[in-house]
Amino acid sequence: MNALVYSFGVISKTPTKDRAVKVASSVIDKVALKFRKKQLDVQAGGNLFTRDKKHCFTLEIVEAHYLEQFTILVSEHPLNDYDRNVLRFIGNNLNQQLA
């Protein structure tokens, strides 16, 4: 989850006038907010026994679609191997769920 939350800050926030980019940016901002809230909740309530616990998320179809596109876009930016593999794993899982 940390790799995904970190990757939300990788892409620059320069505004474009293209409608599709504005829609994608709006949806990704909402998804980023969900993941940041979840990350803060996990960090606040984390201890030795809940460290390896899996976390569940509920996304709408539109959010999942744009998150998948975002992971594809961000995985081409310079990241370390672990973060790149995590983003690819998330993208592949989203792709399977959307198919």
N, C-alpha and C. Protein backbone atom coordinates (compact mmCIF):
# COMPACT_ATOMS: atom_id res chain seq x y z
N MET A 1 0.83 -1.18 0.00
CA MET A 1 0.00 0.00 0.00
C MET A 1 0.88 1.25 0.00
N ASN A 2 2.03 1.18 0.66
CA ASN A 2 2.91 2.34 0.70
C ASN A 2 3.43 2.70 -0.68
N ALA A 3 3.72 1.69 -1.49
CA ALA A 3 4.22 1.96 -2.85
C ALA A 3 3.17 2.67 -3.68
N LEU A 4 1.93 2.28 -3.54
CA LEU A 4 0.85 2.90 -4.31
C LEU A 4 0.61 4.34 -3.84
N VAL A 5 0.59 4.55 -2.54
CA VAL A 5 0.38 5.90 -2.02
C VAL A 5 1.54 6.81 -2.43
N TYR A 6 2.76 6.28 -2.39
CA TYR A 6 3.91 7.07 -2.83
C TYR A 6 3.80 7.43 -4.30
N SER A 7 3.31 6.51 -5.12
CA SER A 7 3.26 6.74 -6.56
C SER A 7 2.25 7.82 -6.95
N PHE A 8 1.29 8.11 -6.07
CA PHE A 8 0.34 9.18 -6.39
C PHE A 8 1.04 10.53 -6.49
N GLY A 9 2.15 10.69 -5.82
CA GLY A 9 2.90 11.95 -5.88
C GLY A 9 3.93 12.01 -6.99
N VAL A 10 4.12 10.92 -7.73
CA VAL A 10 5.13 10.87 -8.78
C VAL A 10 4.72 11.69 -9.99
N ILE A 11 3.47 11.59 -10.38
CA ILE A 11 2.99 12.30 -11.56
C ILE A 11 2.79 13.77 -11.21
N SER A 12 3.23 14.64 -12.10
CA SER A 12 3.11 16.08 -11.84
C SER A 12 1.64 16.51 -11.90
N LYS A 13 1.34 17.58 -11.24
CA LYS A 13 -0.03 18.08 -11.15
C LYS A 13 -0.28 19.22 -12.14
N THR A 14 0.41 19.23 -13.27
CA THR A 14 0.20 20.30 -14.24
C THR A 14 -1.16 20.13 -14.90
N PRO A 15 -1.97 21.16 -14.88
CA PRO A 15 -3.31 21.04 -15.47
C PRO A 15 -3.26 21.04 -17.00
N THR A 16 -4.10 20.24 -17.59
CA THR A 16 -4.23 20.22 -19.04
C THR A 16 -5.66 20.55 -19.40
N LYS A 17 -5.85 20.92 -20.64
CA LYS A 17 -7.19 21.32 -21.06
C LYS A 17 -7.94 20.19 -21.72
N ASP A 18 -7.34 19.02 -21.78
CA ASP A 18 -8.00 17.87 -22.39
C ASP A 18 -9.05 17.33 -21.42
N ARG A 19 -10.23 17.06 -21.92
CA ARG A 19 -11.34 16.62 -21.06
C ARG A 19 -11.07 15.26 -20.45
N ALA A 20 -10.53 14.33 -21.24
CA ALA A 20 -10.26 12.98 -20.73
C ALA A 20 -9.23 13.02 -19.60
N VAL A 21 -8.24 13.87 -19.72
CA VAL A 21 -7.22 13.98 -18.68
C VAL A 21 -7.81 14.58 -17.41
N LYS A 22 -8.69 15.54 -17.56
CA LYS A 22 -9.34 16.13 -16.38
C LYS A 22 -10.20 15.11 -15.65
N VAL A 23 -10.93 14.28 -16.40
CA VAL A 23 -11.76 13.25 -15.78
C VAL A 23 -10.89 12.23 -15.06
N ALA A 24 -9.83 11.77 -15.73
CA ALA A 24 -8.94 10.79 -15.12
C ALA A 24 -8.29 11.37 -13.87
N SER A 25 -7.87 12.61 -13.93
CA SER A 25 -7.24 13.24 -12.78
C SER A 25 -8.22 13.36 -11.61
N SER A 26 -9.45 13.69 -11.89
CA SER A 26 -10.46 13.81 -10.84
C SER A 26 -10.72 12.47 -10.16
N VAL A 27 -10.84 11.42 -10.95
CA VAL A 27 -11.10 10.09 -10.39
C VAL A 27 -9.89 9.61 -9.59
N ILE A 28 -8.69 9.81 -10.12
CA ILE A 28 -7.47 9.37 -9.41
C ILE A 28 -7.30 10.15 -8.11
N ASP A 29 -7.67 11.41 -8.09
CA ASP A 29 -7.59 12.18 -6.84
C ASP A 29 -8.49 11.58 -5.76
N LYS A 30 -9.69 11.13 -6.14
CA LYS A 30 -10.60 10.50 -5.18
C LYS A 30 -10.04 9.16 -4.70
N VAL A 31 -9.47 8.39 -5.62
CA VAL A 31 -8.88 7.10 -5.25
C VAL A 31 -7.67 7.32 -4.34
N ALA A 32 -6.85 8.31 -4.66
CA ALA A 32 -5.67 8.60 -3.84
C ALA A 32 -6.09 8.97 -2.42
N LEU A 33 -7.16 9.73 -2.31
CA LEU A 33 -7.65 10.11 -0.98
C LEU A 33 -8.09 8.88 -0.19
N LYS A 34 -8.77 7.94 -0.85
CA LYS A 34 -9.20 6.70 -0.18
C LYS A 34 -7.99 5.92 0.34
N PHE A 35 -6.97 5.78 -0.52
CA PHE A 35 -5.80 5.00 -0.14
C PHE A 35 -4.99 5.70 0.95
N ARG A 36 -4.89 7.02 0.89
CA ARG A 36 -4.16 7.74 1.93
C ARG A 36 -4.86 7.62 3.29
N LYS A 37 -6.19 7.70 3.28
CA LYS A 37 -6.95 7.53 4.53
C LYS A 37 -6.72 6.13 5.09
N LYS A 38 -6.78 5.13 4.22
CA LYS A 38 -6.58 3.74 4.67
C LYS A 38 -5.17 3.56 5.22
N GLN A 39 -4.19 4.16 4.56
CA GLN A 39 -2.82 4.05 5.03
C GLN A 39 -2.66 4.68 6.41
N LEU A 40 -3.27 5.83 6.63
CA LEU A 40 -3.20 6.46 7.94
C LEU A 40 -3.89 5.62 9.01
N ASP A 41 -5.03 5.02 8.67
CA ASP A 41 -5.72 4.15 9.62
C ASP A 41 -4.87 2.94 9.98
N VAL A 42 -4.21 2.37 8.98
CA VAL A 42 -3.38 1.19 9.22
C VAL A 42 -2.17 1.56 10.07
N GLN A 43 -1.55 2.70 9.78
CA GLN A 43 -0.39 3.12 10.56
C GLN A 43 -0.77 3.46 11.99
N ALA A 44 -1.93 4.06 12.18
CA ALA A 44 -2.35 4.44 13.53
C ALA A 44 -2.69 3.22 14.37
N GLY A 45 -3.28 2.21 13.75
CA GLY A 45 -3.70 1.03 14.51
C GLY A 45 -2.77 -0.14 14.38
N GLY A 46 -1.62 0.06 13.78
CA GLY A 46 -0.70 -1.05 13.54
C GLY A 46 0.12 -1.40 14.76
N ASN A 47 0.33 -2.70 14.93
CA ASN A 47 1.21 -3.19 15.97
C ASN A 47 1.87 -4.46 15.46
N LEU A 48 2.54 -5.16 16.30
CA LEU A 48 3.27 -6.36 15.89
C LEU A 48 2.34 -7.44 15.34
N PHE A 49 1.12 -7.52 15.84
CA PHE A 49 0.22 -8.60 15.45
C PHE A 49 -0.59 -8.28 14.19
N THR A 50 -0.76 -7.03 13.85
CA THR A 50 -1.54 -6.66 12.66
C THR A 50 -0.65 -6.23 11.51
N ARG A 51 0.64 -6.44 11.61
CA ARG A 51 1.58 -5.98 10.59
C ARG A 51 1.37 -6.66 9.26
N ASP A 52 1.14 -7.95 9.22
CA ASP A 52 1.02 -8.71 7.97
C ASP A 52 -0.42 -8.93 7.55
N LYS A 53 -1.34 -8.22 8.14
CA LYS A 53 -2.75 -8.37 7.81
C LYS A 53 -3.04 -7.79 6.43
N LYS A 54 -3.88 -8.49 5.66
CA LYS A 54 -4.28 -7.98 4.35
C LYS A 54 -5.38 -6.95 4.53
N HIS A 55 -5.40 -5.98 3.63
CA HIS A 55 -6.37 -4.90 3.70
C HIS A 55 -7.26 -4.94 2.47
N CYS A 56 -8.54 -4.73 2.67
CA CYS A 56 -9.51 -4.78 1.57
C CYS A 56 -9.95 -3.37 1.19
N PHE A 57 -10.20 -3.21 -0.10
CA PHE A 57 -10.68 -1.93 -0.62
C PHE A 57 -11.86 -2.20 -1.52
N THR A 58 -12.79 -1.27 -1.52
CA THR A 58 -13.93 -1.34 -2.43
C THR A 58 -13.83 -0.15 -3.37
N LEU A 59 -13.76 -0.47 -4.66
CA LEU A 59 -13.67 0.57 -5.68
C LEU A 59 -14.82 0.42 -6.66
N GLU A 60 -15.28 1.54 -7.17
CA GLU A 60 -16.25 1.49 -8.25
C GLU A 60 -15.52 1.09 -9.53
N ILE A 61 -16.28 0.69 -10.54
CA ILE A 61 -15.68 0.23 -11.79
C ILE A 61 -14.85 1.34 -12.43
N VAL A 62 -15.37 2.55 -12.41
CA VAL A 62 -14.64 3.68 -13.01
C VAL A 62 -13.33 3.92 -12.26
N GLU A 63 -13.39 3.86 -10.93
CA GLU A 63 -12.18 4.06 -10.13
C GLU A 63 -11.15 2.97 -10.40
N ALA A 64 -11.61 1.73 -10.50
CA ALA A 64 -10.70 0.62 -10.78
C ALA A 64 -10.06 0.77 -12.15
N HIS A 65 -10.85 1.19 -13.14
CA HIS A 65 -10.33 1.36 -14.50
C HIS A 65 -9.22 2.42 -14.52
N TYR A 66 -9.50 3.57 -13.94
CA TYR A 66 -8.50 4.64 -13.97
C TYR A 66 -7.31 4.32 -13.07
N LEU A 67 -7.50 3.57 -12.00
CA LEU A 67 -6.37 3.15 -11.17
C LEU A 67 -5.48 2.19 -11.94
N GLU A 68 -6.08 1.29 -12.71
CA GLU A 68 -5.29 0.39 -13.55
C GLU A 68 -4.47 1.19 -14.57
N GLN A 69 -5.10 2.16 -15.22
CA GLN A 69 -4.38 2.99 -16.18
C GLN A 69 -3.26 3.78 -15.49
N PHE A 70 -3.51 4.23 -14.28
CA PHE A 70 -2.51 4.97 -13.52
C PHE A 70 -1.32 4.08 -13.18
N THR A 71 -1.57 2.83 -12.77
CA THR A 71 -0.46 1.94 -12.43
C THR A 71 0.39 1.64 -13.66
N ILE A 72 -0.23 1.54 -14.83
CA ILE A 72 0.53 1.31 -16.06
C ILE A 72 1.41 2.52 -16.35
N LEU A 73 0.86 3.71 -16.18
CA LEU A 73 1.60 4.94 -16.45
C LEU A 73 2.75 5.13 -15.47
N VAL A 74 2.50 4.89 -14.21
CA VAL A 74 3.51 5.13 -13.18
C VAL A 74 4.61 4.07 -13.22
N SER A 75 4.30 2.85 -13.62
CA SER A 75 5.32 1.80 -13.63
C SER A 75 6.42 2.09 -14.64
N GLU A 76 6.19 3.00 -15.57
CA GLU A 76 7.23 3.38 -16.53
C GLU A 76 8.12 4.49 -16.00
N HIS A 77 7.77 5.10 -14.88
CA HIS A 77 8.61 6.12 -14.26
C HIS A 77 9.70 5.44 -13.44
N PRO A 78 10.78 6.12 -13.17
CA PRO A 78 11.87 5.49 -12.41
C PRO A 78 11.47 5.24 -10.96
N LEU A 79 11.30 3.98 -10.64
CA LEU A 79 11.01 3.54 -9.28
C LEU A 79 11.97 2.40 -8.96
N ASN A 80 12.06 2.02 -7.71
CA ASN A 80 12.87 0.84 -7.42
C ASN A 80 12.11 -0.41 -7.85
N ASP A 81 12.81 -1.53 -7.90
CA ASP A 81 12.22 -2.76 -8.43
C ASP A 81 11.03 -3.23 -7.61
N TYR A 82 11.12 -3.11 -6.30
CA TYR A 82 10.03 -3.57 -5.44
C TYR A 82 8.75 -2.78 -5.72
N ASP A 83 8.86 -1.46 -5.76
CA ASP A 83 7.68 -0.63 -6.01
C ASP A 83 7.10 -0.90 -7.39
N ARG A 84 7.96 -1.08 -8.38
CA ARG A 84 7.49 -1.37 -9.73
C ARG A 84 6.73 -2.70 -9.77
N ASN A 85 7.26 -3.71 -9.08
CA ASN A 85 6.58 -5.01 -9.05
C ASN A 85 5.25 -4.94 -8.30
N VAL A 86 5.19 -4.16 -7.23
CA VAL A 86 3.94 -4.00 -6.49
C VAL A 86 2.90 -3.33 -7.37
N LEU A 87 3.29 -2.28 -8.08
CA LEU A 87 2.35 -1.59 -8.96
C LEU A 87 1.88 -2.49 -10.10
N ARG A 88 2.77 -3.29 -10.64
CA ARG A 88 2.36 -4.24 -11.69
C ARG A 88 1.40 -5.28 -11.14
N PHE A 89 1.66 -5.75 -9.92
CA PHE A 89 0.78 -6.73 -9.28
C PHE A 89 -0.62 -6.14 -9.08
N ILE A 90 -0.68 -4.90 -8.60
CA ILE A 90 -1.98 -4.24 -8.41
C ILE A 90 -2.68 -4.06 -9.74
N GLY A 91 -1.94 -3.62 -10.76
CA GLY A 91 -2.53 -3.44 -12.09
C GLY A 91 -3.05 -4.74 -12.67
N ASN A 92 -2.30 -5.83 -12.49
CA ASN A 92 -2.74 -7.13 -13.01
C ASN A 92 -3.99 -7.61 -12.28
N ASN A 93 -4.05 -7.42 -10.97
CA ASN A 93 -5.25 -7.82 -10.22
C ASN A 93 -6.46 -7.00 -10.65
N LEU A 94 -6.27 -5.71 -10.85
CA LEU A 94 -7.38 -4.88 -11.32
C LEU A 94 -7.84 -5.31 -12.71
N ASN A 95 -6.88 -5.64 -13.57
CA ASN A 95 -7.21 -6.09 -14.92
C ASN A 95 -8.04 -7.36 -14.88
N GLN A 96 -7.67 -8.31 -14.03
CA GLN A 96 -8.42 -9.56 -13.91
C GLN A 96 -9.82 -9.30 -13.36
N GLN A 97 -9.95 -8.41 -12.40
CA GLN A 97 -11.26 -8.12 -11.82
C GLN A 97 -12.17 -7.39 -12.80
N LEU A 98 -11.59 -6.56 -13.66
CA LEU A 98 -12.38 -5.80 -14.62
C LEU A 98 -12.77 -6.61 -15.84
N ALA A 99 -12.03 -7.69 -16.12
CA ALA A 99 -12.31 -8.50 -17.32
C ALA A 99 -13.59 -9.29 -17.19
